[in-house]
Amino acid sequence: MEKNRFSIFESELRVRPDDIDMFNHVHNSKYLDYVLAARYEQMEKFYNMPWEHFTKQGLGWVVSHVDINFKRPLLMNDLML
């Protein structure tokens, strides 16, 4: 039986006032900002490689595709994982 080769990490973020659009929920463009914020935190916390060390090695990220399925609107002060 093959073991799962991937790890799952979670970050908790809170919706801020500047994330809210005219419909009073998080604008769709902000979701990628949330992913990036979680990635910064997880690199340092779980991989012991802060972003600064990552870039000093000449490394970076490339996004080739993004697909977001929205489950429900995020509202002001909501917490998300």
N, C-alpha and C. Protein backbone atom coordinates (compact mmCIF):
# COMPACT_ATOMS: atom_id res chain seq x y z
N MET A 1 0.84 -1.18 0.00
CA MET A 1 0.00 0.00 0.00
C MET A 1 0.89 1.24 0.00
N GLU A 2 0.69 2.12 -0.97
CA GLU A 2 1.50 3.33 -1.09
C GLU A 2 1.04 4.38 -0.10
N LYS A 3 2.01 4.97 0.61
CA LYS A 3 1.69 6.04 1.54
C LYS A 3 1.44 7.33 0.78
N ASN A 4 0.65 8.19 1.36
CA ASN A 4 0.40 9.50 0.79
C ASN A 4 1.71 10.29 0.81
N ARG A 5 2.15 10.77 -0.34
CA ARG A 5 3.41 11.50 -0.43
C ARG A 5 3.24 12.98 -0.19
N PHE A 6 2.05 13.42 0.05
CA PHE A 6 1.77 14.84 0.21
C PHE A 6 1.34 15.13 1.64
N SER A 7 1.63 16.33 2.08
CA SER A 7 1.21 16.80 3.39
C SER A 7 0.14 17.86 3.21
N ILE A 8 -0.71 17.98 4.19
CA ILE A 8 -1.75 19.00 4.17
C ILE A 8 -1.47 19.96 5.32
N PHE A 9 -1.39 21.24 5.00
CA PHE A 9 -1.16 22.27 6.00
C PHE A 9 -2.33 23.24 5.94
N GLU A 10 -2.62 23.86 7.07
CA GLU A 10 -3.69 24.85 7.12
C GLU A 10 -3.17 26.15 7.69
N SER A 11 -3.72 27.22 7.21
CA SER A 11 -3.48 28.56 7.75
C SER A 11 -4.83 29.19 8.02
N GLU A 12 -4.91 29.97 9.07
CA GLU A 12 -6.15 30.65 9.39
C GLU A 12 -5.99 32.13 9.06
N LEU A 13 -6.89 32.65 8.25
CA LEU A 13 -6.88 34.05 7.87
C LEU A 13 -8.24 34.67 8.15
N ARG A 14 -8.24 35.99 8.37
CA ARG A 14 -9.49 36.70 8.64
C ARG A 14 -9.74 37.69 7.50
N VAL A 15 -10.99 37.81 7.10
CA VAL A 15 -11.38 38.77 6.07
C VAL A 15 -11.22 40.19 6.62
N ARG A 16 -10.56 41.02 5.82
CA ARG A 16 -10.31 42.41 6.22
C ARG A 16 -11.24 43.35 5.45
N PRO A 17 -11.42 44.56 5.95
CA PRO A 17 -12.32 45.51 5.28
C PRO A 17 -11.95 45.77 3.82
N ASP A 18 -10.67 45.82 3.50
CA ASP A 18 -10.29 46.11 2.11
C ASP A 18 -10.46 44.92 1.18
N ASP A 19 -10.88 43.78 1.71
CA ASP A 19 -11.16 42.59 0.88
C ASP A 19 -12.60 42.60 0.35
N ILE A 20 -13.44 43.44 0.92
CA ILE A 20 -14.88 43.43 0.64
C ILE A 20 -15.19 44.26 -0.60
N ASP A 21 -16.08 43.74 -1.44
CA ASP A 21 -16.48 44.46 -2.65
C ASP A 21 -17.84 45.14 -2.45
N MET A 22 -18.39 45.70 -3.50
CA MET A 22 -19.66 46.44 -3.39
C MET A 22 -20.85 45.55 -3.09
N PHE A 23 -20.69 44.24 -3.17
CA PHE A 23 -21.77 43.30 -2.82
C PHE A 23 -21.64 42.81 -1.38
N ASN A 24 -20.71 43.40 -0.63
CA ASN A 24 -20.47 43.09 0.79
C ASN A 24 -19.95 41.69 1.04
N HIS A 25 -19.23 41.15 0.08
CA HIS A 25 -18.49 39.91 0.32
C HIS A 25 -17.11 40.04 -0.32
N VAL A 26 -16.25 39.07 -0.07
CA VAL A 26 -14.88 39.12 -0.58
C VAL A 26 -14.89 39.09 -2.11
N HIS A 27 -14.14 40.01 -2.68
CA HIS A 27 -14.02 40.05 -4.14
C HIS A 27 -13.22 38.84 -4.60
N ASN A 28 -13.58 38.27 -5.74
CA ASN A 28 -12.94 37.03 -6.21
C ASN A 28 -11.44 37.17 -6.38
N SER A 29 -10.93 38.34 -6.69
CA SER A 29 -9.49 38.52 -6.89
C SER A 29 -8.70 38.36 -5.59
N LYS A 30 -9.35 38.51 -4.46
CA LYS A 30 -8.67 38.41 -3.16
C LYS A 30 -8.31 36.97 -2.78
N TYR A 31 -8.99 36.00 -3.35
CA TYR A 31 -8.74 34.61 -2.97
C TYR A 31 -7.31 34.19 -3.28
N LEU A 32 -6.77 34.67 -4.38
CA LEU A 32 -5.37 34.35 -4.69
C LEU A 32 -4.43 35.02 -3.70
N ASP A 33 -4.79 36.20 -3.23
CA ASP A 33 -3.99 36.85 -2.17
C ASP A 33 -3.98 35.99 -0.91
N TYR A 34 -5.13 35.38 -0.59
CA TYR A 34 -5.20 34.51 0.59
C TYR A 34 -4.31 33.29 0.43
N VAL A 35 -4.31 32.71 -0.75
CA VAL A 35 -3.46 31.54 -1.00
C VAL A 35 -1.99 31.92 -0.84
N LEU A 36 -1.61 33.06 -1.37
CA LEU A 36 -0.22 33.50 -1.27
C LEU A 36 0.16 33.79 0.18
N ALA A 37 -0.72 34.44 0.94
CA ALA A 37 -0.45 34.73 2.35
C ALA A 37 -0.26 33.44 3.14
N ALA A 38 -1.10 32.45 2.88
CA ALA A 38 -0.97 31.15 3.56
C ALA A 38 0.35 30.49 3.17
N ARG A 39 0.74 30.61 1.91
CA ARG A 39 1.97 29.99 1.44
C ARG A 39 3.19 30.57 2.15
N TYR A 40 3.23 31.90 2.28
CA TYR A 40 4.34 32.54 3.01
C TYR A 40 4.45 31.98 4.42
N GLU A 41 3.31 31.92 5.11
CA GLU A 41 3.30 31.42 6.49
C GLU A 41 3.75 29.96 6.55
N GLN A 42 3.23 29.14 5.65
CA GLN A 42 3.52 27.71 5.69
C GLN A 42 4.96 27.40 5.32
N MET A 43 5.55 28.18 4.45
CA MET A 43 6.95 27.95 4.10
C MET A 43 7.84 28.07 5.33
N GLU A 44 7.59 29.10 6.13
CA GLU A 44 8.41 29.31 7.31
C GLU A 44 8.05 28.33 8.43
N LYS A 45 6.76 28.15 8.65
CA LYS A 45 6.29 27.35 9.78
C LYS A 45 6.51 25.84 9.59
N PHE A 46 6.25 25.33 8.38
CA PHE A 46 6.28 23.90 8.17
C PHE A 46 7.49 23.40 7.39
N TYR A 47 8.07 24.26 6.56
CA TYR A 47 9.23 23.85 5.75
C TYR A 47 10.54 24.42 6.28
N ASN A 48 10.45 25.27 7.30
CA ASN A 48 11.63 25.94 7.83
C ASN A 48 12.42 26.66 6.74
N MET A 49 11.70 27.25 5.79
CA MET A 49 12.33 28.02 4.73
C MET A 49 11.52 29.29 4.49
N PRO A 50 11.85 30.36 5.22
CA PRO A 50 11.15 31.62 4.97
C PRO A 50 11.34 32.07 3.53
N TRP A 51 10.43 32.88 3.06
CA TRP A 51 10.45 33.37 1.69
C TRP A 51 11.82 33.97 1.33
N GLU A 52 12.43 34.72 2.25
CA GLU A 52 13.71 35.36 1.99
C GLU A 52 14.79 34.33 1.65
N HIS A 53 14.82 33.21 2.36
CA HIS A 53 15.80 32.15 2.08
C HIS A 53 15.50 31.47 0.74
N PHE A 54 14.24 31.32 0.45
CA PHE A 54 13.81 30.70 -0.80
C PHE A 54 14.31 31.50 -2.00
N THR A 55 14.09 32.83 -1.96
CA THR A 55 14.48 33.67 -3.10
C THR A 55 15.99 33.85 -3.20
N LYS A 56 16.69 33.80 -2.06
CA LYS A 56 18.16 33.92 -2.10
C LYS A 56 18.79 32.74 -2.85
N GLN A 57 18.08 31.62 -2.92
CA GLN A 57 18.57 30.45 -3.64
C GLN A 57 18.20 30.52 -5.13
N GLY A 58 17.60 31.64 -5.53
CA GLY A 58 17.21 31.80 -6.92
C GLY A 58 15.93 31.07 -7.28
N LEU A 59 15.14 30.69 -6.27
CA LEU A 59 13.91 29.95 -6.51
C LEU A 59 12.71 30.88 -6.52
N GLY A 60 11.64 30.45 -7.13
CA GLY A 60 10.40 31.21 -7.17
C GLY A 60 9.26 30.29 -7.54
N TRP A 61 8.08 30.85 -7.67
CA TRP A 61 6.90 30.08 -8.02
C TRP A 61 6.40 30.53 -9.38
N VAL A 62 5.81 29.62 -10.10
CA VAL A 62 5.15 29.92 -11.36
C VAL A 62 3.76 29.32 -11.30
N VAL A 63 2.76 30.12 -11.59
CA VAL A 63 1.38 29.64 -11.63
C VAL A 63 1.01 29.43 -13.09
N SER A 64 0.64 28.21 -13.42
CA SER A 64 0.28 27.93 -14.80
C SER A 64 -1.23 27.79 -15.00
N HIS A 65 -1.96 27.59 -13.90
CA HIS A 65 -3.41 27.42 -14.01
C HIS A 65 -4.03 27.66 -12.64
N VAL A 66 -5.17 28.32 -12.64
CA VAL A 66 -5.92 28.54 -11.40
C VAL A 66 -7.37 28.19 -11.66
N ASP A 67 -7.94 27.40 -10.76
CA ASP A 67 -9.34 27.02 -10.86
C ASP A 67 -9.92 27.12 -9.45
N ILE A 68 -10.83 28.03 -9.23
CA ILE A 68 -11.42 28.24 -7.91
C ILE A 68 -12.90 27.89 -7.96
N ASN A 69 -13.33 27.03 -7.07
CA ASN A 69 -14.74 26.70 -6.91
C ASN A 69 -15.21 27.32 -5.60
N PHE A 70 -16.05 28.33 -5.70
CA PHE A 70 -16.54 29.03 -4.53
C PHE A 70 -17.67 28.24 -3.88
N LYS A 71 -17.52 27.99 -2.57
CA LYS A 71 -18.54 27.23 -1.84
C LYS A 71 -19.60 28.14 -1.24
N ARG A 72 -19.16 29.30 -0.75
CA ARG A 72 -20.08 30.28 -0.18
C ARG A 72 -19.33 31.61 -0.11
N PRO A 73 -20.06 32.71 -0.02
CA PRO A 73 -19.38 34.01 0.08
C PRO A 73 -18.65 34.14 1.42
N LEU A 74 -17.50 34.76 1.40
CA LEU A 74 -16.83 35.14 2.64
C LEU A 74 -17.21 36.58 2.94
N LEU A 75 -17.54 36.83 4.20
CA LEU A 75 -18.02 38.14 4.63
C LEU A 75 -17.05 38.78 5.60
N MET A 76 -17.25 40.04 5.88
CA MET A 76 -16.39 40.79 6.79
C MET A 76 -16.19 40.06 8.10
N ASN A 77 -14.93 39.94 8.52
CA ASN A 77 -14.51 39.30 9.77
C ASN A 77 -14.62 37.79 9.79
N ASP A 78 -15.06 37.16 8.72
CA ASP A 78 -15.07 35.70 8.67
C ASP A 78 -13.66 35.17 8.82
N LEU A 79 -13.54 34.02 9.47
CA LEU A 79 -12.28 33.29 9.52
C LEU A 79 -12.33 32.19 8.48
N MET A 80 -11.19 31.96 7.85
CA MET A 80 -11.13 30.88 6.85
C MET A 80 -9.90 30.05 7.10
N LEU A 81 -9.97 28.79 6.70
CA LEU A 81 -8.80 27.90 6.75
C LEU A 81 -8.35 27.66 5.33
